[in-house]
Structures are given as structure tokens and as C-alpha cells.
PDB file of N, CA and C in Angstrom:
ATOM      1  N   ILE A   1      -3.975  19.866   1.649  1.00  0.00           N
ATOM      2  CA  ILE A   1      -2.778  19.279   1.055  1.00  0.00           C
ATOM      3  C   ILE A   1      -3.038  19.140  -0.443  1.00  0.00           C
ATOM      4  N   ASN A   2      -2.113  19.632  -1.251  1.00  0.00           N
ATOM      5  CA  ASN A   2      -2.334  19.526  -2.693  1.00  0.00           C
ATOM      6  C   ASN A   2      -1.317  18.626  -3.391  1.00  0.00           C
ATOM      7  N   LEU A   3      -0.358  18.067  -2.638  1.00  0.00           N
ATOM      8  CA  LEU A   3       0.616  17.140  -3.223  1.00  0.00           C
ATOM      9  C   LEU A   3       1.006  16.089  -2.196  1.00  0.00           C
ATOM     10  N   ILE A   4       0.874  14.828  -2.581  1.00  0.00           N
ATOM     11  CA  ILE A   4       1.310  13.693  -1.763  1.00  0.00           C
ATOM     12  C   ILE A   4       2.376  12.965  -2.562  1.00  0.00           C
ATOM     13  N   ILE A   5       3.520  12.679  -1.941  1.00  0.00           N
ATOM     14  CA  ILE A   5       4.564  11.880  -2.588  1.00  0.00           C
ATOM     15  C   ILE A   5       4.791  10.643  -1.735  1.00  0.00           C
ATOM     16  N   ASN A   6       4.489   9.482  -2.302  1.00  0.00           N
ATOM     17  CA  ASN A   6       4.753   8.199  -1.646  1.00  0.00           C
ATOM     18  C   ASN A   6       6.093   7.690  -2.155  1.00  0.00           C
ATOM     19  N   TYR A   7       7.087   7.654  -1.287  1.00  0.00           N
ATOM     20  CA  TYR A   7       8.394   7.139  -1.685  1.00  0.00           C
ATOM     21  C   TYR A   7       8.407   5.616  -1.692  1.00  0.00           C
ATOM     22  N   ASP A   8       7.459   5.028  -0.994  1.00  0.00           N
ATOM     23  CA  ASP A   8       7.276   3.579  -0.969  1.00  0.00           C
ATOM     24  C   ASP A   8       5.790   3.298  -1.138  1.00  0.00           C
ATOM     25  N   VAL A   9       5.467   2.214  -1.810  1.00  0.00           N
ATOM     26  CA  VAL A   9       4.070   1.805  -1.932  1.00  0.00           C
ATOM     27  C   VAL A   9       3.652   1.222  -0.587  1.00  0.00           C
ATOM     28  N   PRO A  10       2.556   1.705  -0.003  1.00  0.00           N
ATOM     29  CA  PRO A  10       2.108   1.144   1.271  1.00  0.00           C
ATOM     30  C   PRO A  10       1.841  -0.359   1.146  1.00  0.00           C
ATOM     31  N   HIS A  11       2.040  -1.092   2.228  1.00  0.00           N
ATOM     32  CA  HIS A  11       1.818  -2.542   2.221  1.00  0.00           C
ATOM     33  C   HIS A  11       0.340  -2.882   2.065  1.00  0.00           C
ATOM     34  N   ASP A  12      -0.521  -1.998   2.514  1.00  0.00           N
ATOM     35  CA  ASP A  12      -1.952  -2.241   2.472  1.00  0.00           C
ATOM     36  C   ASP A  12      -2.606  -1.249   1.508  1.00  0.00           C
ATOM     37  N   ALA A  13      -3.396  -1.743   0.581  1.00  0.00           N
ATOM     38  CA  ALA A  13      -4.043  -0.883  -0.419  1.00  0.00           C
ATOM     39  C   ALA A  13      -4.928   0.173   0.234  1.00  0.00           C
ATOM     40  N   GLU A  14      -5.578  -0.162   1.339  1.00  0.00           N
ATOM     41  CA  GLU A  14      -6.438   0.809   2.016  1.00  0.00           C
ATOM     42  C   GLU A  14      -5.626   1.960   2.602  1.00  0.00           C
ATOM     43  N   ASP A  15      -4.386   1.700   3.033  1.00  0.00           N
ATOM     44  CA  ASP A  15      -3.512   2.775   3.519  1.00  0.00           C
ATOM     45  C   ASP A  15      -3.216   3.762   2.396  1.00  0.00           C
ATOM     46  N   TYR A  16      -2.999   3.245   1.194  1.00  0.00           N
ATOM     47  CA  TYR A  16      -2.745   4.109   0.035  1.00  0.00           C
ATOM     48  C   TYR A  16      -3.945   5.022  -0.216  1.00  0.00           C
ATOM     49  N   VAL A  17      -5.126   4.441  -0.223  1.00  0.00           N
ATOM     50  CA  VAL A  17      -6.337   5.218  -0.481  1.00  0.00           C
ATOM     51  C   VAL A  17      -6.502   6.298   0.589  1.00  0.00           C
ATOM     52  N   HIS A  18      -6.218   5.958   1.832  1.00  0.00           N
ATOM     53  CA  HIS A  18      -6.320   6.938   2.919  1.00  0.00           C
ATOM     54  C   HIS A  18      -5.319   8.075   2.720  1.00  0.00           C
ATOM     55  N   ARG A  19      -4.080   7.733   2.361  1.00  0.00           N
ATOM     56  CA  ARG A  19      -3.043   8.759   2.159  1.00  0.00           C
ATOM     57  C   ARG A  19      -3.402   9.716   1.030  1.00  0.00           C
ATOM     58  N   VAL A  20      -3.721   9.166  -0.128  1.00  0.00           N
ATOM     59  CA  VAL A  20      -3.966  10.038  -1.281  1.00  0.00           C
ATOM     60  C   VAL A  20      -5.306  10.758  -1.161  1.00  0.00           C
ATOM     61  N   GLY A  21      -6.196  10.235  -0.346  1.00  0.00           N
ATOM     62  CA  GLY A  21      -7.471  10.900  -0.128  1.00  0.00           C
ATOM     63  C   GLY A  21      -7.325  12.243   0.557  1.00  0.00           C
ATOM     64  N   ARG A  22      -6.195  12.479   1.178  1.00  0.00           N
ATOM     65  CA  ARG A  22      -5.959  13.767   1.843  1.00  0.00           C
ATOM     66  C   ARG A  22      -5.899  14.913   0.841  1.00  0.00           C
ATOM     67  N   THR A  23      -5.673  14.601  -0.432  1.00  0.00           N
ATOM     68  CA  THR A  23      -5.630  15.665  -1.444  1.00  0.00           C
ATOM     69  C   THR A  23      -7.031  16.089  -1.869  1.00  0.00           C
ATOM     70  N   ALA A  24      -8.055  15.392  -1.425  1.00  0.00           N
ATOM     71  CA  ALA A  24      -9.420  15.680  -1.886  1.00  0.00           C
ATOM     72  C   ALA A  24     -10.324  16.154  -0.753  1.00  0.00           C
ATOM     73  N   ARG A  25      -9.766  16.784   0.244  1.00  0.00           N
ATOM     74  CA  ARG A  25     -10.577  17.280   1.353  1.00  0.00           C
ATOM     75  C   ARG A  25     -11.285  18.573   0.953  1.00  0.00           C
ATOM     76  N   ALA A  26     -12.481  18.735   1.419  1.00  0.00           N
ATOM     77  CA  ALA A  26     -13.263  19.964   1.225  1.00  0.00           C
ATOM     78  C   ALA A  26     -13.332  20.372  -0.249  1.00  0.00           C
ATOM     79  N   ASP A  27     -13.626  19.419  -1.108  1.00  0.00           N
ATOM     80  CA  ASP A  27     -13.763  19.665  -2.551  1.00  0.00           C
ATOM     81  C   ASP A  27     -12.499  20.197  -3.218  1.00  0.00           C
ATOM     82  N   ALA A  28     -11.362  20.047  -2.571  1.00  0.00           N
ATOM     83  CA  ALA A  28     -10.091  20.470  -3.169  1.00  0.00           C
ATOM     84  C   ALA A  28      -9.588  19.367  -4.094  1.00  0.00           C
ATOM     85  N   THR A  29      -8.678  19.714  -4.963  1.00  0.00           N
ATOM     86  CA  THR A  29      -8.044  18.714  -5.817  1.00  0.00           C
ATOM     87  C   THR A  29      -6.554  18.719  -5.528  1.00  0.00           C
ATOM     88  N   GLY A  30      -5.899  17.655  -5.907  1.00  0.00           N
ATOM     89  CA  GLY A  30      -4.468  17.565  -5.681  1.00  0.00           C
ATOM     90  C   GLY A  30      -3.871  16.452  -6.500  1.00  0.00           C
ATOM     91  N   VAL A  31      -2.594  16.226  -6.278  1.00  0.00           N
ATOM     92  CA  VAL A  31      -1.840  15.224  -7.022  1.00  0.00           C
ATOM     93  C   VAL A  31      -1.187  14.277  -6.025  1.00  0.00           C
ATOM     94  N   ALA A  32      -1.230  12.990  -6.335  1.00  0.00           N
ATOM     95  CA  ALA A  32      -0.518  11.980  -5.558  1.00  0.00           C
ATOM     96  C   ALA A  32       0.476  11.311  -6.488  1.00  0.00           C
ATOM     97  N   LEU A  33       1.730  11.296  -6.094  1.00  0.00           N
ATOM     98  CA  LEU A  33       2.808  10.699  -6.874  1.00  0.00           C
ATOM     99  C   LEU A  33       3.378   9.548  -6.062  1.00  0.00           C
ATOM    100  N   THR A  34       3.486   8.376  -6.678  1.00  0.00           N
ATOM    101  CA  THR A  34       4.015   7.204  -5.994  1.00  0.00           C
ATOM    102  C   THR A  34       5.170   6.641  -6.796  1.00  0.00           C
ATOM    103  N   LEU A  35       6.312   6.483  -6.138  1.00  0.00           N
ATOM    104  CA  LEU A  35       7.483   5.892  -6.781  1.00  0.00           C
ATOM    105  C   LEU A  35       7.379   4.382  -6.639  1.00  0.00           C
ATOM    106  N   ILE A  36       7.498   3.666  -7.760  1.00  0.00           N
ATOM    107  CA  ILE A  36       7.272   2.221  -7.776  1.00  0.00           C
ATOM    108  C   ILE A  36       8.496   1.510  -8.335  1.00  0.00           C
ATOM    109  N   SER A  37       8.902   0.445  -7.650  1.00  0.00           N
ATOM    110  CA  SER A  37       9.985  -0.405  -8.148  1.00  0.00           C
ATOM    111  C   SER A  37       9.380  -1.715  -8.652  1.00  0.00           C
ATOM    112  N   ASP A  38      10.219  -2.555  -9.224  1.00  0.00           N
ATOM    113  CA  ASP A  38       9.743  -3.867  -9.693  1.00  0.00           C
ATOM    114  C   ASP A  38       9.043  -4.635  -8.580  1.00  0.00           C
ATOM    115  N   LYS A  39       9.609  -4.594  -7.380  1.00  0.00           N
ATOM    116  CA  LYS A  39       9.049  -5.386  -6.276  1.00  0.00           C
ATOM    117  C   LYS A  39       7.717  -4.838  -5.768  1.00  0.00           C
ATOM    118  N   ASP A  40       7.388  -3.585  -6.111  1.00  0.00           N
ATOM    119  CA  ASP A  40       6.147  -2.971  -5.650  1.00  0.00           C
ATOM    120  C   ASP A  40       4.968  -3.178  -6.596  1.00  0.00           C
ATOM    121  N   MET A  41       5.190  -3.740  -7.759  1.00  0.00           N
ATOM    122  CA  MET A  41       4.125  -3.826  -8.756  1.00  0.00           C
ATOM    123  C   MET A  41       2.920  -4.620  -8.279  1.00  0.00           C
ATOM    124  N   GLY A  42       3.146  -5.715  -7.592  1.00  0.00           N
ATOM    125  CA  GLY A  42       2.027  -6.515  -7.088  1.00  0.00           C
ATOM    126  C   GLY A  42       1.168  -5.731  -6.115  1.00  0.00           C
ATOM    127  N   LYS A  43       1.826  -4.989  -5.212  1.00  0.00           N
ATOM    128  CA  LYS A  43       1.083  -4.172  -4.250  1.00  0.00           C
ATOM    129  C   LYS A  43       0.297  -3.077  -4.971  1.00  0.00           C
ATOM    130  N   PHE A  44       0.904  -2.493  -6.001  1.00  0.00           N
ATOM    131  CA  PHE A  44       0.213  -1.416  -6.702  1.00  0.00           C
ATOM    132  C   PHE A  44      -0.971  -1.950  -7.508  1.00  0.00           C
ATOM    133  N   GLN A  45      -0.859  -3.149  -8.026  1.00  0.00           N
ATOM    134  CA  GLN A  45      -1.995  -3.754  -8.730  1.00  0.00           C
ATOM    135  C   GLN A  45      -3.145  -4.005  -7.757  1.00  0.00           C
ATOM    136  N   GLN A  46      -2.829  -4.335  -6.509  1.00  0.00           N
ATOM    137  CA  GLN A  46      -3.881  -4.506  -5.503  1.00  0.00           C
ATOM    138  C   GLN A  46      -4.596  -3.179  -5.247  1.00  0.00           C
ATOM    139  N   ILE A  47      -3.843  -2.089  -5.268  1.00  0.00           N
ATOM    140  CA  ILE A  47      -4.440  -0.761  -5.097  1.00  0.00           C
ATOM    141  C   ILE A  47      -5.408  -0.480  -6.238  1.00  0.00           C
ATOM    142  N   GLU A  48      -4.986  -0.760  -7.462  1.00  0.00           N
ATOM    143  CA  GLU A  48      -5.863  -0.524  -8.614  1.00  0.00           C
ATOM    144  C   GLU A  48      -7.121  -1.378  -8.534  1.00  0.00           C
ATOM    145  N   GLN A  49      -6.992  -2.592  -8.035  1.00  0.00           N
ATOM    146  CA  GLN A  49      -8.181  -3.436  -7.879  1.00  0.00           C
ATOM    147  C   GLN A  49      -9.124  -2.840  -6.845  1.00  0.00           C
ATOM    148  N   LEU A  50      -8.571  -2.335  -5.745  1.00  0.00           N
ATOM    149  CA  LEU A  50      -9.400  -1.767  -4.688  1.00  0.00           C
ATOM    150  C   LEU A  50     -10.152  -0.531  -5.174  1.00  0.00           C
ATOM    151  N   ILE A  51      -9.479   0.348  -5.888  1.00  0.00           N
ATOM    152  CA  ILE A  51     -10.130   1.587  -6.340  1.00  0.00           C
ATOM    153  C   ILE A  51     -10.893   1.394  -7.650  1.00  0.00           C
ATOM    154  N   GLU A  52     -10.769   0.201  -8.229  1.00  0.00           N
ATOM    155  CA  GLU A  52     -11.479  -0.177  -9.453  1.00  0.00           C
ATOM    156  C   GLU A  52     -11.203   0.773 -10.612  1.00  0.00           C
ATOM    157  N   ARG A  53      -9.946   1.162 -10.744  1.00  0.00           N
ATOM    158  CA  ARG A  53      -9.525   1.968 -11.894  1.00  0.00           C
ATOM    159  C   ARG A  53      -8.013   1.876 -12.022  1.00  0.00           C
ATOM    160  N   GLU A  54      -7.554   2.150 -13.222  1.00  0.00           N
ATOM    161  CA  GLU A  54      -6.120   2.146 -13.472  1.00  0.00           C
ATOM    162  C   GLU A  54      -5.559   3.521 -13.134  1.00  0.00           C
ATOM    163  N   VAL A  55      -4.433   3.531 -12.446  1.00  0.00           N
ATOM    164  CA  VAL A  55      -3.758   4.775 -12.093  1.00  0.00           C
ATOM    165  C   VAL A  55      -2.853   5.175 -13.255  1.00  0.00           C
ATOM    166  N   ILE A  56      -2.809   6.456 -13.554  1.00  0.00           N
ATOM    167  CA  ILE A  56      -1.956   6.958 -14.638  1.00  0.00           C
ATOM    168  C   ILE A  56      -0.495   6.707 -14.289  1.00  0.00           C
ATOM    169  N   LYS A  57       0.237   6.140 -15.244  1.00  0.00           N
ATOM    170  CA  LYS A  57       1.666   5.862 -15.060  1.00  0.00           C
ATOM    171  C   LYS A  57       2.468   6.819 -15.927  1.00  0.00           C
ATOM    172  N   LEU A  58       3.342   7.575 -15.295  1.00  0.00           N
ATOM    173  CA  LEU A  58       4.165   8.541 -16.015  1.00  0.00           C
ATOM    174  C   LEU A  58       5.546   7.948 -16.262  1.00  0.00           C
ATOM    175  N   PRO A  59       6.117   8.179 -17.440  1.00  0.00           N
ATOM    176  CA  PRO A  59       7.466   7.667 -17.708  1.00  0.00           C
ATOM    177  C   PRO A  59       8.511   8.474 -16.939  1.00  0.00           C
ATOM    178  N   LEU A  60       9.629   7.823 -16.661  1.00  0.00           N
ATOM    179  CA  LEU A  60      10.759   8.520 -16.046  1.00  0.00           C
ATOM    180  C   LEU A  60      11.445   9.399 -17.079  1.00  0.00           C
ATOM    181  N   PRO A  61      12.057  10.495 -16.649  1.00  0.00           N
ATOM    182  CA  PRO A  61      12.890  11.257 -17.591  1.00  0.00           C
ATOM    183  C   PRO A  61      14.003  10.361 -18.138  1.00  0.00           C
ATOM    184  N   LYS A  62      14.332  10.511 -19.406  1.00  0.00           N
ATOM    185  CA  LYS A  62      15.302   9.624 -20.067  1.00  0.00           C
ATOM    186  C   LYS A  62      16.655   9.583 -19.366  1.00  0.00           C
ATOM    187  N   ASP A  63      17.094  10.701 -18.785  1.00  0.00           N
ATOM    188  CA  ASP A  63      18.412  10.715 -18.150  1.00  0.00           C
ATOM    189  C   ASP A  63      18.459   9.913 -16.848  1.00  0.00           C
ATOM    190  N   LEU A  64      17.315   9.441 -16.349  1.00  0.00           N
ATOM    191  CA  LEU A  64      17.292   8.592 -15.158  1.00  0.00           C
ATOM    192  C   LEU A  64      17.373   7.107 -15.501  1.00  0.00           C
ATOM    193  N   GLY A  65      17.312   6.767 -16.764  1.00  0.00           N
ATOM    194  CA  GLY A  65      17.378   5.366 -17.160  1.00  0.00           C
ATOM    195  C   GLY A  65      15.992   4.756 -17.253  1.00  0.00           C
ATOM    196  N   ASP A  66      15.974   3.447 -17.390  1.00  0.00           N
ATOM    197  CA  ASP A  66      14.707   2.734 -17.534  1.00  0.00           C
ATOM    198  C   ASP A  66      14.074   2.484 -16.176  1.00  0.00           C
ATOM    199  N   GLY A  67      12.779   2.679 -16.122  1.00  0.00           N
ATOM    200  CA  GLY A  67      12.022   2.326 -14.930  1.00  0.00           C
ATOM    201  C   GLY A  67      11.572   0.882 -15.043  1.00  0.00           C
ATOM    202  N   PRO A  68      10.856   0.400 -14.040  1.00  0.00           N
ATOM    203  CA  PRO A  68      10.361  -0.980 -14.116  1.00  0.00           C
ATOM    204  C   PRO A  68       9.352  -1.115 -15.247  1.00  0.00           C
ATOM    205  N   GLY A  69       9.369  -2.249 -15.919  1.00  0.00           N
ATOM    206  CA  GLY A  69       8.383  -2.508 -16.961  1.00  0.00           C
ATOM    207  C   GLY A  69       7.060  -2.843 -16.313  1.00  0.00           C
ATOM    208  N   TRP A  70       6.009  -2.181 -16.727  1.00  0.00           N
ATOM    209  CA  TRP A  70       4.698  -2.431 -16.121  1.00  0.00           C
ATOM    210  C   TRP A  70       4.124  -3.704 -16.680  1.00  0.00           C
ATOM    211  N   LYS A  71       3.785  -4.629 -15.814  1.00  0.00           N
ATOM    212  CA  LYS A  71       3.257  -5.928 -16.224  1.00  0.00           C
ATOM    213  C   LYS A  71       1.890  -6.126 -15.589  1.00  0.00           C
ATOM    214  N   PRO A  72       0.857  -5.581 -16.204  1.00  0.00           N
ATOM    215  CA  PRO A  72      -0.462  -5.751 -15.605  1.00  0.00           C
ATOM    216  C   PRO A  72      -0.839  -7.221 -15.530  1.00  0.00           C
ATOM    217  N   GLY A  73      -1.574  -7.536 -14.537  1.00  0.00           N
ATOM    218  CA  GLY A  73      -2.012  -8.915 -14.369  1.00  0.00           C
ATOM    219  C   GLY A  73      -2.497  -9.118 -12.960  1.00  0.00           C
ATOM    220  N   ARG A  74      -2.574 -10.350 -12.592  1.00  0.00           N
ATOM    221  CA  ARG A  74      -3.075 -10.700 -11.277  1.00  0.00           C
ATOM    222  C   ARG A  74      -2.034 -10.367 -10.218  1.00  0.00           C
ATOM    223  N   PRO A  75      -2.429  -9.662  -9.150  1.00  0.00           N
ATOM    224  CA  PRO A  75      -1.479  -9.380  -8.079  1.00  0.00           C
ATOM    225  C   PRO A  75      -0.968 -10.665  -7.457  1.00  0.00           C
ATOM    226  N   ARG A  76       0.273 -10.617  -7.000  1.00  0.00           N
ATOM    227  CA  ARG A  76       0.902 -11.809  -6.443  1.00  0.00           C
ATOM    228  C   ARG A  76       0.704 -11.923  -4.941  1.00  0.00           C
ATOM    229  N   GLY A  77      -0.298 -11.318  -4.399  1.00  0.00           N
ATOM    230  CA  GLY A  77      -0.517 -11.401  -2.965  1.00  0.00           C
ATOM    231  C   GLY A  77       0.181 -10.268  -2.252  1.00  0.00           C
ATOM    232  N   ASN A  78       0.470 -10.487  -0.983  1.00  0.00           N
ATOM    233  CA  ASN A  78       1.039  -9.416  -0.189  1.00  0.00           C
ATOM    234  C   ASN A  78       2.505  -9.650   0.121  1.00  0.00           C
ATOM    235  N   SER A  79       3.220 -10.248  -0.764  1.00  0.00           N
ATOM    236  CA  SER A  79       4.667 -10.452  -0.659  1.00  0.00           C
ATOM    237  C   SER A  79       5.055 -11.208   0.604  1.00  0.00           C
ATOM    238  N   GLY A  80       4.198 -12.117   1.036  1.00  0.00           N
ATOM    239  CA  GLY A  80       4.525 -12.931   2.197  1.00  0.00           C
ATOM    240  C   GLY A  80       4.282 -12.243   3.523  1.00  0.00           C
ATOM    241  N   ARG A  81       3.846 -11.022   3.515  1.00  0.00           N
ATOM    242  CA  ARG A  81       3.586 -10.314   4.763  1.00  0.00           C
ATOM    243  C   ARG A  81       2.181 -10.658   5.231  1.00  0.00           C
ATOM    244  N   ARG A  82       2.045 -10.824   6.532  1.00  0.00           N
ATOM    245  CA  ARG A  82       0.741 -11.109   7.097  1.00  0.00           C
ATOM    246  C   ARG A  82       0.136  -9.820   7.616  1.00  0.00           C
ATOM    247  N   LYS A  83      -1.130  -9.646   7.397  1.00  0.00           N
ATOM    248  CA  LYS A  83      -1.814  -8.450   7.872  1.00  0.00           C
ATOM    249  C   LYS A  83      -2.030  -8.572   9.371  1.00  0.00           C
ATOM    250  N   PHE A  84      -1.716  -7.526  10.107  1.00  0.00           N
ATOM    251  CA  PHE A  84      -1.901  -7.512  11.549  1.00  0.00           C
ATOM    252  C   PHE A  84      -3.382  -7.444  11.849  1.00  0.00           C
ATOM    253  N   SER A  85      -3.863  -8.333  12.690  1.00  0.00           N
ATOM    254  CA  SER A  85      -5.289  -8.358  12.981  1.00  0.00           C
ATOM    255  C   SER A  85      -5.575  -8.147  14.462  1.00  0.00           C
ATOM    256  N   GLY A  86      -4.644  -7.557  15.178  1.00  0.00           N
ATOM    257  CA  GLY A  86      -4.871  -7.297  16.591  1.00  0.00           C
ATOM    258  C   GLY A  86      -4.142  -8.291  17.471  1.00  0.00           C
ATOM    259  N   ARG A  87      -4.287  -8.090  18.761  1.00  0.00           N
ATOM    260  CA  ARG A  87      -3.595  -8.951  19.719  1.00  0.00           C
ATOM    261  C   ARG A  87      -4.277 -10.302  19.818  1.00  0.00           C
ATOM    262  N   LYS A  88      -3.471 -11.305  20.024  1.00  0.00           N
ATOM    263  CA  LYS A  88      -4.020 -12.639  20.237  1.00  0.00           C
ATOM    264  C   LYS A  88      -4.536 -12.738  21.667  1.00  0.00           C
ATOM    265  N   LYS A  89      -5.459 -13.614  21.880  1.00  0.00           N
ATOM    266  CA  LYS A  89      -6.021 -13.818  23.202  1.00  0.00           C
ATOM    267  C   LYS A  89      -4.909 -14.208  24.158  1.00  0.00           C
ATOM    268  N   GLY A  90      -4.812 -13.481  25.252  1.00  0.00           N
ATOM    269  CA  GLY A  90      -3.789 -13.788  26.246  1.00  0.00           C
ATOM    270  C   GLY A  90      -2.453 -13.134  25.964  1.00  0.00           C
ATOM    271  N   ALA A  91      -2.333 -12.363  24.887  1.00  0.00           N
ATOM    272  CA  ALA A  91      -1.060 -11.727  24.558  1.00  0.00           C
ATOM    273  C   ALA A  91      -0.719 -10.696  25.611  1.00  0.00           C
ATOM    274  N   GLY A  92       0.556 -10.597  25.940  1.00  0.00           N
ATOM    275  CA  GLY A  92       1.012  -9.616  26.900  1.00  0.00           C
ATOM    276  C   GLY A  92       1.030 -10.128  28.324  1.00  0.00           C
ATOM    277  N   LYS A  93       0.517 -11.306  28.575  1.00  0.00           N
ATOM    278  CA  LYS A  93       0.528 -11.878  29.918  1.00  0.00           C
ATOM    279  C   LYS A  93       1.750 -12.758  30.076  1.00  0.00           C
ATOM    280  N   ASN A  94       2.238 -12.813  31.286  1.00  0.00           N
ATOM    281  CA  ASN A  94       3.308 -13.761  31.579  1.00  0.00           C
ATOM    282  C   ASN A  94       2.714 -15.151  31.584  1.00  0.00           C
ATOM    283  N   PRO A  95       3.496 -16.169  31.230  1.00  0.00           N
ATOM    284  CA  PRO A  95       2.938 -17.525  31.201  1.00  0.00           C
ATOM    285  C   PRO A  95       2.323 -17.932  32.532  1.00  0.00           C
ATOM    286  N   GLY A  96       2.867 -17.450  33.631  1.00  0.00           N
ATOM    287  CA  GLY A  96       2.332 -17.796  34.943  1.00  0.00           C
ATOM    288  C   GLY A  96       1.001 -17.131  35.228  1.00  0.00           C
ATOM    289  N   GLN A  97       0.661 -16.077  34.496  1.00  0.00           N
ATOM    290  CA  GLN A  97      -0.585 -15.358  34.720  1.00  0.00           C
ATOM    291  C   GLN A  97      -1.749 -15.937  33.922  1.00  0.00           C
ATOM    292  N   ALA A  98      -1.464 -16.718  32.924  1.00  0.00           N
ATOM    293  CA  ALA A  98      -2.533 -17.259  32.082  1.00  0.00           C
ATOM    294  C   ALA A  98      -3.394 -18.213  32.892  1.00  0.00           C
ATOM    295  N   LYS A  99      -4.699 -18.151  32.681  1.00  0.00           N
ATOM    296  CA  LYS A  99      -5.612 -19.053  33.381  1.00  0.00           C
ATOM    297  C   LYS A  99      -5.519 -20.438  32.782  1.00  0.00           C
ATOM    298  N   ARG A 100      -5.542 -21.392  33.646  1.00  0.00           N
ATOM    299  CA  ARG A 100      -5.557 -22.782  33.180  1.00  0.00           C
ATOM    300  C   ARG A 100      -6.980 -23.295  33.221  1.00  0.00           C
ATOM    301  N   GLN A 101      -7.320 -24.044  32.208  1.00  0.00           N
ATOM    302  CA  GLN A 101      -8.642 -24.663  32.188  1.00  0.00           C
ATOM    303  C   GLN A 101      -8.462 -26.156  32.369  1.00  0.00           C
ATOM    304  N   ASN A 102      -9.216 -26.707  33.296  1.00  0.00           N
ATOM    305  CA  ASN A 102      -9.121 -28.154  33.560  1.00  0.00           C
ATOM    306  C   ASN A 102     -10.226 -28.885  32.888  1.00  0.00           C
TER     307      ASN A 102
END
């Protein structure tokens, strides 16, 4: 794969790294393009922190209008989304099937 286009910034920075890493298989090179809105800036800053480098930001063509203003700084967290960490103990059982402890 020599071109990756992310129409949305992944919620998890590691997902982004996994996606764009597909352009670097078997010593190949490629390009990853990510479209970013104002609401995605915090998530994208988390990506830059994870990869420990700044990603090149390209300006929009003038006829498309102004893009979001880049405001580097501390990421604002994960926008209130909780990271899925697997099933909870007892998940998927009917209440009558759960063991009771006395």
C-alpha cells in the first residue's frame, strides 16, 4: 500500500500508527493523509505524542476556504470516550445464571 487516506482521525492513537504503518511494509515507502477538523485536534496531538514527532501539516487549497487553526498544546484527553478494556466479569450472563456468594 503506498497511500492511506484517513477521513476521520482514529479515536485511539495506536490505531492511527497501525493504519499508517501499512505504507512501510517490506522497506516500502508511502504517504498517509489525514483530514482533521477542529474537534479532532486533541486526538491528533495525542498521536504526535505517541510517535514523538510532529506530523507535517499541509494547507488547504485556497478555494476550499480556511481549515482549522492548528493550536499545539496539551491534548484534551479522549473527548469523553472511554477506552474499551474487554468484557466485565459476568458479562453476557442472565441475572439468574450469576453465581451468588454467601
